[in-house]
Protein backbone atom coordinates (compact mmCIF):
# COMPACT_ATOMS: atom_id res chain seq x y z
CA MET A 1 -21.22 0.38 -101.50
CA LEU A 2 -20.41 -1.77 -98.44
CA LYS A 3 -16.72 -0.55 -98.61
CA ARG A 4 -17.82 3.04 -98.64
CA TRP A 5 -20.11 2.50 -95.57
CA THR A 6 -17.43 0.52 -93.74
CA HIS A 7 -14.98 3.54 -94.17
CA SER A 8 -17.56 6.15 -93.54
CA HIS A 9 -16.66 8.48 -90.83
CA GLN A 10 -20.24 8.39 -89.56
CA LEU A 11 -20.53 4.67 -89.15
CA PRO A 12 -18.11 4.19 -86.19
CA VAL A 13 -20.07 6.87 -84.23
CA ILE A 14 -23.56 5.49 -85.19
CA LEU A 15 -22.56 1.87 -84.13
CA ALA A 16 -20.69 2.81 -81.11
CA VAL A 17 -23.65 4.88 -79.71
CA ILE A 18 -26.06 2.00 -80.56
CA VAL A 19 -23.96 -0.65 -78.90
CA ALA A 20 -23.23 1.54 -75.84
CA GLY A 21 -26.80 2.37 -75.45
CA MET A 22 -27.90 -1.27 -75.29
CA TRP A 23 -24.91 -2.14 -73.04
CA ARG A 24 -25.89 0.61 -70.58
CA LEU A 25 -29.56 -0.41 -70.69
CA TRP A 26 -28.48 -3.86 -69.84
CA LEU A 27 -26.41 -2.65 -66.86
CA MET A 28 -29.06 -0.46 -65.34
CA PRO A 29 -31.17 -2.98 -63.61
CA ARG A 30 -27.97 -4.99 -62.65
CA TYR A 31 -26.00 -2.07 -61.22
CA ALA A 32 -26.96 -0.63 -57.82
CA GLY A 33 -24.84 2.55 -58.14
CA TRP A 34 -21.49 3.98 -57.36
CA GLU A 35 -22.23 4.90 -53.84
CA GLU A 36 -24.73 6.91 -51.80
CA SER A 37 -24.55 9.82 -54.36
CA ASP A 38 -26.58 7.85 -56.93
CA TYR A 39 -29.52 7.84 -54.44
CA GLY A 40 -28.90 11.27 -53.03
CA ASN A 41 -29.07 12.62 -56.56
CA LEU A 42 -32.64 11.23 -56.88
CA ALA A 43 -33.79 12.96 -53.70
CA MET A 44 -32.15 16.25 -54.90
CA ILE A 45 -34.03 15.97 -58.22
CA GLN A 46 -37.15 15.53 -56.32
CA GLY A 47 -36.26 18.58 -54.26
CA VAL A 48 -35.56 20.82 -57.11
CA LEU A 49 -38.96 19.85 -58.54
CA ASP A 50 -40.74 20.48 -55.26
CA SER A 51 -39.16 23.85 -55.02
CA GLY A 52 -40.45 24.97 -58.29
CA PHE A 53 -36.77 25.01 -59.57
CA GLN A 54 -35.99 27.73 -57.00
CA HIS A 55 -33.63 25.81 -54.63
CA PHE A 56 -30.48 24.08 -55.67
CA ASP A 57 -27.75 22.58 -53.50
CA MET A 58 -24.70 24.79 -53.59
CA ASN A 59 -22.16 22.00 -53.44
CA HIS A 60 -23.52 19.98 -56.35
CA MET A 61 -24.39 22.76 -58.86
CA PRO A 62 -27.70 23.09 -60.64
CA GLY A 63 -27.06 21.68 -64.07
CA TYR A 64 -27.64 17.97 -63.70
CA TYR A 65 -30.49 18.46 -61.22
CA GLY A 66 -32.29 21.15 -63.14
CA ILE A 67 -32.31 19.13 -66.37
CA ALA A 68 -33.21 16.01 -64.61
CA ALA A 69 -36.05 17.73 -62.57
CA LEU A 70 -37.49 19.06 -65.88
CA VAL A 71 -37.58 15.43 -67.37
CA HIS A 72 -39.02 14.37 -63.96
CA ALA A 73 -41.87 16.83 -64.47
CA LEU A 74 -42.64 15.31 -67.69
CA VAL A 75 -42.35 11.45 -66.90
CA ASP A 76 -43.25 11.75 -63.09
CA ASP A 77 -40.45 9.49 -62.00
CA ALA A 78 -37.14 10.70 -60.77
CA VAL A 79 -35.38 7.38 -61.29
CA ILE A 80 -36.30 7.48 -65.06
CA ALA A 81 -35.40 11.09 -65.14
CA GLY A 82 -31.94 10.84 -63.27
CA ARG A 83 -30.78 7.75 -65.20
CA GLY A 84 -32.14 9.01 -68.42
CA VAL A 85 -30.17 12.32 -68.29
CA SER A 86 -26.96 10.28 -67.29
CA TRP A 87 -27.58 7.72 -69.97
CA LEU A 88 -28.03 10.35 -72.67
CA GLY A 89 -25.01 12.40 -71.44
CA GLY A 90 -22.85 9.36 -71.51
CA LEU A 91 -23.83 8.46 -74.99
CA THR A 92 -23.46 12.00 -76.25
CA ALA A 93 -19.88 12.19 -74.71
CA LEU A 94 -19.10 8.84 -76.43
CA GLY A 95 -20.43 9.92 -79.70
CA LEU A 96 -18.63 13.09 -79.80
CA ALA A 97 -15.39 11.59 -78.65
CA THR A 98 -15.67 8.92 -81.42
CA ALA A 99 -16.38 11.65 -84.00
CA LEU A 100 -13.36 13.67 -82.88
CA ALA A 101 -11.12 10.52 -82.99
CA THR A 102 -12.38 9.96 -86.56
CA ARG A 103 -11.58 13.59 -87.51
CA MET A 104 -8.10 13.50 -86.18
CA GLY A 105 -7.07 9.92 -87.06
CA GLY A 106 -9.53 8.67 -89.81
CA ALA A 107 -12.16 5.93 -89.61
CA ARG A 108 -9.75 3.45 -88.09
CA ALA A 109 -9.16 5.61 -84.97
CA GLY A 110 -12.99 6.14 -84.68
CA TRP A 111 -13.68 2.32 -84.66
CA VAL A 112 -11.14 1.76 -81.97
CA THR A 113 -12.17 4.69 -79.91
CA GLY A 114 -15.78 3.78 -80.04
CA ALA A 115 -15.02 0.11 -79.07
CA LEU A 116 -12.94 1.22 -76.12
CA LEU A 117 -15.48 3.83 -74.89
CA VAL A 118 -18.26 1.30 -75.06
CA ILE A 119 -16.58 -0.91 -72.64
CA GLN A 120 -14.75 1.50 -70.34
CA PRO A 121 -15.87 0.77 -66.90
CA GLU A 122 -16.52 4.26 -65.33
CA LEU A 123 -18.16 5.66 -68.46
CA ALA A 124 -20.32 2.58 -68.81
CA LEU A 125 -21.38 2.10 -65.22
CA TYR A 126 -21.91 5.73 -64.36
CA SER A 127 -24.02 6.35 -67.56
CA SER A 128 -26.21 3.53 -66.29
CA SER A 129 -26.89 5.09 -62.90
CA SER A 130 -27.84 8.69 -61.71
CA LEU A 131 -24.65 10.40 -61.57
CA ARG A 132 -23.83 13.82 -63.02
CA GLU A 133 -20.30 13.12 -64.42
CA PRO A 134 -21.56 11.72 -67.72
CA LEU A 135 -23.43 14.88 -68.34
CA ALA A 136 -20.41 16.93 -67.47
CA ALA A 137 -18.45 14.91 -70.09
CA ALA A 138 -21.12 15.64 -72.68
CA PHE A 139 -20.86 19.30 -72.18
CA ILE A 140 -16.91 19.24 -72.22
CA LEU A 141 -16.94 17.15 -75.42
CA GLY A 142 -19.47 19.60 -76.83
CA ALA A 143 -17.13 22.30 -76.31
CA LEU A 144 -14.23 20.46 -77.86
CA SER A 145 -16.36 19.47 -80.89
CA SER A 146 -17.47 23.16 -81.34
CA MET A 147 -13.77 24.27 -81.16
CA SER A 148 -12.88 21.65 -83.78
CA ARG A 149 -15.31 23.57 -86.13
CA GLU A 150 -14.26 26.88 -84.77
CA ARG A 151 -17.64 27.77 -83.53
CA MET A 152 -16.39 29.61 -80.49
CA GLY A 153 -19.90 30.90 -79.30
CA TRP A 154 -21.20 27.33 -79.08
CA ALA A 155 -17.97 26.20 -77.42
CA GLY A 156 -18.70 28.88 -74.74
CA PHE A 157 -22.15 27.76 -74.24
CA CYS A 158 -21.11 24.14 -73.78
CA ALA A 159 -18.44 25.29 -71.34
CA ALA A 160 -20.96 27.13 -69.32
CA GLY A 161 -23.17 23.82 -69.22
CA ALA A 162 -20.15 21.98 -68.11
CA PHE A 163 -19.47 24.46 -65.33
CA LEU A 164 -23.18 24.34 -64.14
CA VAL A 165 -22.84 20.49 -63.81
CA ARG A 166 -19.32 20.61 -62.20
CA PHE A 167 -17.88 23.98 -61.27
CA ASP A 168 -14.18 22.52 -61.50
CA SER A 169 -14.74 22.28 -65.39
CA ALA A 170 -14.30 26.05 -65.61
CA LEU A 171 -10.86 25.83 -64.13
CA VAL A 172 -9.74 23.87 -67.23
CA LEU A 173 -12.03 25.15 -69.98
CA LEU A 174 -11.31 28.91 -69.47
CA PRO A 175 -7.60 28.54 -70.40
CA VAL A 176 -8.34 26.03 -73.13
CA LEU A 177 -11.01 28.36 -74.73
CA ALA A 178 -8.46 31.16 -74.48
CA ILE A 179 -5.66 29.40 -76.13
CA HIS A 180 -7.87 28.00 -78.92
CA ALA A 181 -9.47 31.46 -79.54
CA LEU A 182 -6.00 33.13 -79.84
CA GLY A 183 -4.78 30.61 -82.36
CA ARG A 184 -6.56 32.31 -85.38
CA GLU A 185 -7.29 35.78 -86.79
CA GLY A 186 -9.90 37.88 -84.82
CA ALA A 187 -8.56 36.42 -81.66
CA ARG A 188 -10.21 39.21 -79.35
CA ASN A 189 -13.59 38.63 -80.88
CA ARG A 190 -13.24 34.82 -80.75
CA LEU A 191 -12.08 35.05 -77.06
CA PHE A 192 -15.04 37.15 -76.07
CA ARG A 193 -17.60 34.97 -77.86
CA SER A 194 -16.32 31.88 -75.90
CA TRP A 195 -15.76 33.51 -72.56
CA ILE A 196 -18.92 35.51 -72.34
CA PRO A 197 -21.40 32.59 -71.89
CA LEU A 198 -19.13 30.90 -69.39
CA GLY A 199 -18.60 34.26 -67.61
CA VAL A 200 -22.25 34.84 -67.42
CA ALA A 201 -22.91 31.41 -66.06
CA ILE A 202 -20.24 31.83 -63.37
CA PHE A 203 -21.53 35.22 -62.28
CA LEU A 204 -25.28 34.14 -62.26
CA TRP A 205 -24.59 31.12 -60.05
CA ALA A 206 -22.30 33.12 -57.76
CA LEU A 207 -25.26 35.62 -57.43
CA TYR A 208 -27.71 32.91 -56.67
CA CYS A 209 -25.49 31.46 -54.05
CA ARG A 210 -25.20 34.90 -52.45
CA VAL A 211 -28.88 35.30 -52.38
CA ASP A 212 -29.89 31.76 -51.47
CA HIS A 213 -26.87 30.46 -49.41
CA GLY A 214 -25.36 33.81 -48.09
CA THR A 215 -22.00 33.60 -49.98
CA TRP A 216 -20.45 34.38 -53.31
CA ALA A 217 -17.88 31.58 -52.89
CA PHE A 218 -19.88 28.65 -54.19
CA TRP A 219 -16.76 26.58 -54.34
CA SER A 220 -15.92 27.07 -50.69
CA HIS A 221 -17.50 24.03 -48.93
CA SER A 222 -16.39 21.50 -51.70
CA VAL A 223 -12.80 22.80 -51.65
CA SER A 224 -12.50 23.01 -47.94
CA VAL A 225 -13.53 19.29 -47.55
CA ASN A 226 -10.71 18.12 -49.74
CA VAL A 227 -8.14 20.72 -48.15
CA GLU A 228 -9.09 19.75 -44.69
CA THR A 229 -8.77 16.10 -45.48
CA GLY A 230 -5.21 16.56 -46.81
CA MET A 231 -4.09 19.15 -44.24
CA GLY A 232 -5.55 17.10 -41.45
CA GLY A 233 -4.19 13.64 -42.59
CA GLU A 234 -1.56 11.56 -40.73
CA ALA A 235 1.49 13.44 -41.80
CA GLU A 236 3.43 14.85 -38.85
CA ALA A 237 5.69 17.24 -40.78
CA PRO A 238 5.20 19.55 -43.84
CA SER A 239 7.73 17.60 -45.80
CA GLU A 240 5.90 14.31 -45.10
CA TRP A 241 2.60 15.86 -46.05
CA TRP A 242 4.14 17.08 -49.56
CA TRP A 243 5.66 13.68 -50.00
CA ASN A 244 2.27 11.88 -49.34
CA GLY A 245 0.71 14.10 -51.90
CA VAL A 246 3.31 13.36 -54.45
CA GLU A 247 2.87 9.61 -54.00
CA VAL A 248 -0.85 9.84 -54.31
CA SER A 249 -0.61 11.94 -57.57
CA ALA A 250 2.06 9.62 -58.97
CA ALA A 251 -0.23 6.51 -58.26
CA LEU A 252 -3.22 8.09 -59.94
CA LEU A 253 -1.28 8.84 -63.20
CA SER A 254 0.96 5.78 -63.28
CA TRP A 255 -1.32 3.08 -61.76
CA LEU A 256 -5.04 4.01 -61.72
CA LEU A 257 -5.26 5.69 -65.02
CA PRO A 258 -3.54 3.00 -66.98
CA TRP A 259 -5.50 0.37 -65.20
CA ARG A 260 -8.65 1.95 -66.17
CA ILE A 261 -8.10 2.87 -69.83
CA GLY A 262 -5.45 0.26 -70.60
CA TRP A 263 -1.69 0.26 -70.43
CA ALA A 264 -1.38 0.46 -74.25
CA VAL A 265 -3.95 3.22 -74.41
CA TRP A 266 -2.01 5.16 -71.65
CA MET A 267 1.22 4.86 -73.60
CA GLY A 268 -0.74 5.91 -76.79
CA PHE A 269 -1.73 9.22 -74.92
CA ILE A 270 1.82 9.84 -73.96
CA TRP A 271 3.03 9.22 -77.50
CA CYS A 272 0.30 11.66 -78.75
CA MET A 273 1.29 14.34 -76.36
CA ILE A 274 4.96 14.12 -77.47
CA ARG A 275 4.08 14.20 -81.12
CA SER A 276 1.69 17.22 -80.43
CA VAL A 277 4.48 19.40 -79.09
CA SER A 278 5.05 20.98 -82.51
CA VAL A 279 1.59 20.69 -83.72
CA GLY A 280 0.03 24.06 -84.65
CA HIS A 281 -3.41 25.43 -84.04
CA GLY A 282 -6.09 22.69 -84.36
CA ILE A 283 -8.36 20.41 -82.39
CA ARG A 284 -5.56 17.93 -81.65
CA ARG A 285 -3.52 20.59 -79.84
CA THR A 286 -6.52 21.87 -78.04
CA MET A 287 -7.60 18.33 -76.95
CA VAL A 288 -4.23 17.44 -75.77
CA LEU A 289 -4.13 20.59 -73.68
CA GLN A 290 -7.59 19.75 -72.40
CA GLY A 291 -6.64 16.19 -71.45
CA MET A 292 -3.33 17.34 -69.81
CA LEU A 293 -5.13 20.07 -67.78
CA MET A 294 -7.89 17.67 -66.67
CA LEU A 295 -5.46 15.11 -65.47
CA GLY A 296 -3.46 17.72 -63.83
CA LEU A 297 -6.50 18.81 -62.03
CA TRP A 298 -7.44 15.17 -61.05
CA SER A 299 -3.94 14.47 -59.77
CA GLY A 300 -3.80 17.76 -58.03
CA ILE A 301 -6.99 17.01 -56.06
CA GLY A 302 -5.32 13.76 -55.18
CA PHE A 303 -2.24 15.79 -54.07
CA VAL A 304 -4.29 17.87 -51.60
CA GLY A 305 -7.07 15.59 -50.50
CA GLN A 306 -4.64 12.55 -50.13
CA HIS A 307 -7.35 9.95 -50.30
CA ALA A 308 -5.90 6.45 -50.82
CA PRO A 309 -5.38 6.05 -54.66
CA SER A 310 -7.76 3.12 -54.59
CA HIS A 311 -10.58 5.38 -53.24
CA ASN A 312 -13.68 5.22 -55.48
CA LEU A 313 -13.93 9.12 -55.48
CA TYR A 314 -11.13 9.02 -57.99
CA TRP A 315 -13.19 6.83 -60.16
CA LYS A 316 -16.00 9.24 -60.43
CA TRP A 317 -13.78 12.20 -60.98
CA LEU A 318 -12.00 10.25 -63.83
CA CYS A 319 -15.22 9.68 -65.63
CA PRO A 320 -15.30 12.95 -67.65
CA ILE A 321 -11.63 12.71 -68.48
CA VAL A 322 -11.89 9.34 -70.11
CA PRO A 323 -13.74 10.40 -73.39
CA VAL A 324 -11.13 13.24 -73.82
CA VAL A 325 -7.92 11.14 -73.33
CA VAL A 326 -8.92 7.94 -75.21
CA PRO A 327 -9.47 9.36 -78.63
CA LEU A 328 -6.13 11.07 -78.33
CA ALA A 329 -4.58 7.88 -77.09
CA VAL A 330 -5.99 5.89 -80.04
CA VAL A 331 -4.67 8.42 -82.59
CA GLY A 332 -1.20 8.11 -80.85
CA LEU A 333 -1.44 4.32 -81.06
CA TRP A 334 -2.13 4.30 -84.74
CA GLU A 335 0.80 6.62 -85.41
CA ALA A 336 3.05 4.38 -83.37
CA VAL A 337 1.78 1.38 -85.39
CA ASP A 338 2.47 3.24 -88.68
CA ARG A 339 5.99 3.97 -87.57
CA ALA A 340 6.38 0.38 -86.28
CA GLU A 341 5.52 -1.02 -89.68
CA ARG A 342 8.89 0.17 -90.99
CA TRP A 343 10.71 -2.45 -89.02
CA MET A 344 7.89 -4.95 -88.02
CA GLY A 345 5.83 -5.07 -91.17
CA GLY A 346 2.23 -4.11 -91.45
CA THR A 347 0.94 -7.52 -90.31
CA GLY A 348 3.12 -7.62 -87.24
CA ALA A 349 2.43 -4.11 -86.15
CA ARG A 350 -1.31 -4.45 -86.45
CA ALA A 351 -1.17 -7.82 -84.64
CA LEU A 352 0.64 -6.15 -81.84
CA LEU A 353 -1.98 -3.44 -81.72
CA GLY A 354 -4.73 -6.18 -81.67
CA VAL A 355 -3.17 -7.96 -78.78
CA ALA A 356 -2.94 -4.61 -76.86
CA ILE A 357 -6.64 -3.81 -77.52
CA VAL A 358 -7.69 -7.32 -76.47
CA GLN A 359 -5.82 -6.89 -73.15
CA VAL A 360 -7.67 -3.69 -72.54
CA ALA A 361 -10.98 -5.33 -73.34
CA VAL A 362 -10.41 -8.13 -70.94
CA SER A 363 -9.21 -5.80 -68.26
CA ASN A 364 -12.16 -3.44 -68.72
CA ALA A 365 -14.72 -6.33 -68.58
CA ARG A 366 -13.25 -7.68 -65.37
CA GLU A 367 -13.14 -4.34 -63.76
CA THR A 368 -16.82 -3.56 -64.86
CA GLU A 369 -17.87 -6.94 -63.29
CA ARG A 370 -15.96 -6.25 -60.13
CA GLN A 371 -17.54 -2.89 -59.59
CA ARG A 372 -20.90 -4.11 -60.48
CA ALA A 373 -20.72 -7.10 -58.03
CA LEU A 374 -19.37 -4.85 -55.31
CA SER A 375 -22.22 -2.45 -55.87
CA GLU A 376 -24.83 -5.30 -55.86
CA SER A 377 -23.28 -6.62 -52.62
CA TRP A 378 -23.03 -3.21 -50.68
CA TYR A 379 -25.89 -1.15 -52.13
CA ARG A 380 -28.50 -3.40 -53.40
CA PRO A 381 -29.36 -4.68 -49.87
CA GLN A 382 -30.05 -1.12 -48.73
CA LEU A 383 -32.22 -0.47 -51.72
CA GLU A 384 -34.21 -3.53 -50.98
CA LEU A 385 -34.45 -2.47 -47.31
CA ALA A 386 -35.92 0.90 -48.55
CA GLN A 387 -38.45 -0.90 -50.78
CA TRP A 388 -39.54 -3.08 -47.93
CA ILE A 389 -39.94 -0.09 -45.62
CA GLU A 390 -42.21 1.46 -48.29
CA ALA A 391 -44.16 -1.65 -48.63
CA GLU A 392 -44.50 -2.81 -45.00
CA ILE A 393 -44.15 0.23 -42.65
CA GLY A 394 -46.84 3.04 -42.24
CA VAL A 395 -45.89 6.59 -43.04
CA ASP A 396 -46.88 7.60 -39.59
CA GLU A 397 -44.13 5.42 -37.84
CA ALA A 398 -40.89 7.38 -37.04
CA LEU A 399 -37.58 5.93 -38.25
CA VAL A 400 -33.88 6.69 -37.80
CA LEU A 401 -32.88 6.49 -41.33
CA ASP A 402 -30.09 7.74 -43.49
CA ASN A 403 -28.13 7.39 -46.72
CA ILE A 404 -29.46 5.16 -49.47
CA PRO A 405 -32.79 4.03 -47.89
CA ALA A 406 -33.71 7.58 -46.86
CA CYS A 407 -32.65 9.10 -50.27
CA TRP A 408 -34.50 6.43 -52.14
CA ILE A 409 -37.75 7.03 -50.17
CA ARG A 410 -37.35 10.72 -50.88
CA ARG A 411 -37.17 10.25 -54.56
CA ARG A 412 -40.82 11.19 -54.43
CA ALA A 413 -42.73 13.55 -52.14
CA THR A 414 -43.30 11.80 -48.79
CA GLU A 415 -44.77 12.52 -45.30
CA ARG A 416 -42.69 9.67 -43.73
CA GLN A 417 -40.93 10.64 -40.53
CA MET A 418 -37.26 10.09 -41.09
CA VAL A 419 -34.58 11.35 -38.63
CA SER A 420 -30.91 11.43 -39.55
CA TRP A 421 -28.17 10.51 -37.09
CA PHE A 422 -26.76 13.93 -37.59
CA ASP A 423 -29.90 15.36 -35.82
CA ILE A 424 -29.81 13.10 -32.80
CA PRO A 425 -28.12 14.59 -29.76
CA VAL A 426 -25.03 12.77 -28.34
CA HIS A 427 -25.46 11.60 -24.74
CA GLU A 428 -22.43 10.96 -22.49
CA ASP A 429 -23.82 7.76 -21.04
CA GLU A 430 -24.10 4.07 -21.77
CA GLY A 431 -27.23 4.48 -23.84
CA SER A 432 -30.04 5.69 -21.47
CA GLY A 433 -30.13 9.16 -23.04
CA PHE A 434 -30.43 7.70 -26.53
CA ALA A 435 -33.15 5.29 -25.26
CA GLN A 436 -35.14 8.22 -23.68
CA TRP A 437 -34.78 10.27 -26.96
CA LEU A 438 -36.24 7.21 -28.85
CA ARG A 439 -39.10 7.02 -26.32
CA GLU A 440 -39.89 10.82 -26.52
CA ASN A 441 -39.85 10.86 -30.24
CA ASP A 442 -41.89 7.64 -30.49
CA VAL A 443 -39.27 6.04 -32.89
CA ARG A 444 -40.14 2.55 -34.03
CA TRP A 445 -37.23 1.59 -36.30
CA VAL A 446 -33.43 2.39 -36.31
CA LEU A 447 -30.94 1.84 -39.10
CA TRP A 448 -27.34 1.80 -37.59
CA TYR A 449 -24.30 2.15 -39.62
CA ARG A 450 -20.71 1.05 -39.01
CA GLU A 451 -18.95 3.88 -40.83
CA ASP A 452 -17.97 6.76 -38.60
CA TRP A 453 -18.91 9.46 -41.14
CA THR A 454 -22.59 8.48 -40.74
CA GLN A 455 -22.47 9.67 -37.03
CA ALA A 456 -24.21 6.44 -35.86
CA PRO A 457 -21.10 5.00 -34.15
CA ARG A 458 -20.63 8.32 -32.31
CA VAL A 459 -24.26 8.66 -31.20
CA ALA A 460 -24.85 4.91 -30.38
CA PRO A 461 -21.69 2.86 -30.27
CA PHE A 462 -23.41 0.41 -28.12
CA LEU A 463 -25.56 -0.92 -30.98
CA SER A 464 -22.56 -2.21 -33.03
CA GLU A 465 -22.95 -5.86 -31.85
CA GLY A 466 -26.50 -6.27 -33.04
CA GLY A 467 -28.87 -8.77 -31.36
CA ARG A 468 -31.00 -7.44 -28.55
CA TRP A 469 -30.11 -4.24 -26.77
CA SER A 470 -32.03 -2.73 -23.84
CA SER A 471 -31.59 0.53 -21.70
CA ASN A 472 -33.90 2.74 -19.76
CA GLY A 473 -37.07 0.67 -20.49
CA VAL A 474 -36.43 0.66 -24.34
CA THR A 475 -35.45 -2.51 -26.22
CA LEU A 476 -34.13 -2.75 -29.76
CA ASN A 477 -34.09 -6.10 -31.62
CA GLU A 478 -32.09 -6.81 -34.73
CA ARG A 479 -34.19 -7.62 -37.86
CA ARG A 480 -31.64 -7.45 -40.67
CA ARG A 481 -27.88 -6.81 -41.21
CA GLU A 482 -25.31 -6.54 -43.86
CA ASP A 483 -21.74 -6.80 -42.78
CA GLY A 484 -19.94 -5.92 -46.03
CA TYR A 485 -21.04 -2.15 -46.04
CA GLY A 486 -21.89 -2.46 -42.36
CA TRP A 487 -25.37 -1.83 -41.10
CA ILE A 488 -27.93 -3.20 -38.76
CA TRP A 489 -31.73 -2.74 -38.98
CA TYR A 490 -33.42 -2.62 -35.48
CA GLU A 491 -37.01 -2.64 -34.48
CA VAL A 492 -37.94 -0.81 -31.32
CA GLU A 493 -40.29 -2.72 -29.02
CA PRO A 494 -43.48 -0.82 -28.56
């Protein structure tokens, strides 16, 4: 009886989901988020609920925020709703990925896949916060799982869900659905059943954006940001720009990816791809195509955007790719072990695999702790400042407030007066114009940021030193600061 359960195809999935769920629940209060987006998502969830589910931000798609706002309406807490949807999305992706690994490579592949996905840093940490990527991963794995059972209608609905969470999912899922649909008899009917839900979702979202945002091109702003970043980089000649893009893409695929999933796992994925060249219609070929296209899109974004390969944006974009790539890699690893047994023996080959898995586990544990500690150092102080503001400062006092503190406060309906640096006029003087603006708007508190993109250094560069600053009859006194992320909290003397 015990042996039957040990080799059961369901047991690896069940245990992986249980352990992963507990691990992520432990991480939740100890992880302060990936960046500002975790807290901005809370504010957007509240905004969707306040609008009666009628207004959605065009750049972030409606899927995650609509589902989380619905949960928010039930539990009356944006934090529980946002984290809960990410948590469930991540666990769903993990469970489906483990099940697919078991289906392709047997229970042994399921056990290893489940263990690796439990501890993979991005999938674990982002499922413990309020990010939409784990939900996107759940829909993508749902589409793959449906295709593995040839349920093309369900695959189309899951693909539509993935698109409504992240629009770039459609770029990959459209060709994957088509190739899988054409692999069996009744190809035209199968293609229509898979494409129609996704096509309807794309059309309805484009129509909504035309009505609410004035454009059919819902992708325009998100794409332009990356294109402008790449085109406006430091390259002085077209050839240099192309070479910079190649270097970034190569670094993502040959450095960042193997670091995050493990070098042995990365080589297992390459082995699986090579071995799948001659494989006929089936979930293995389809998953390999899905993984290759997702990695191609990920590295392509890096080629165009040309952020440094160490930029944490790539970590977030990698999250939905991990549960697609890891099951294939594990299947490839076991196939390599089976072949190595011919000249190493079964014990030696499995020992080598064990050493490789231990290396991955140690690397993932260190990376998880590194990201968690960085988050606690940079983002927890801003969260604590926001909580102090809510407890100590009256709602009638005006503040210059942005990013994490402002978004945290907006996680629920509020009448607090918060002005963004983007809404403050730039004065071409040494601060007297800014001081006059503070006085005219009766601002009592100012949160200044070091980062240029916040606009604070552009509007008030004179606040960078901290301490006490005076101009035009207005005095600001430093009350708190954090120099890792870079911010200073000023009180304006009455």
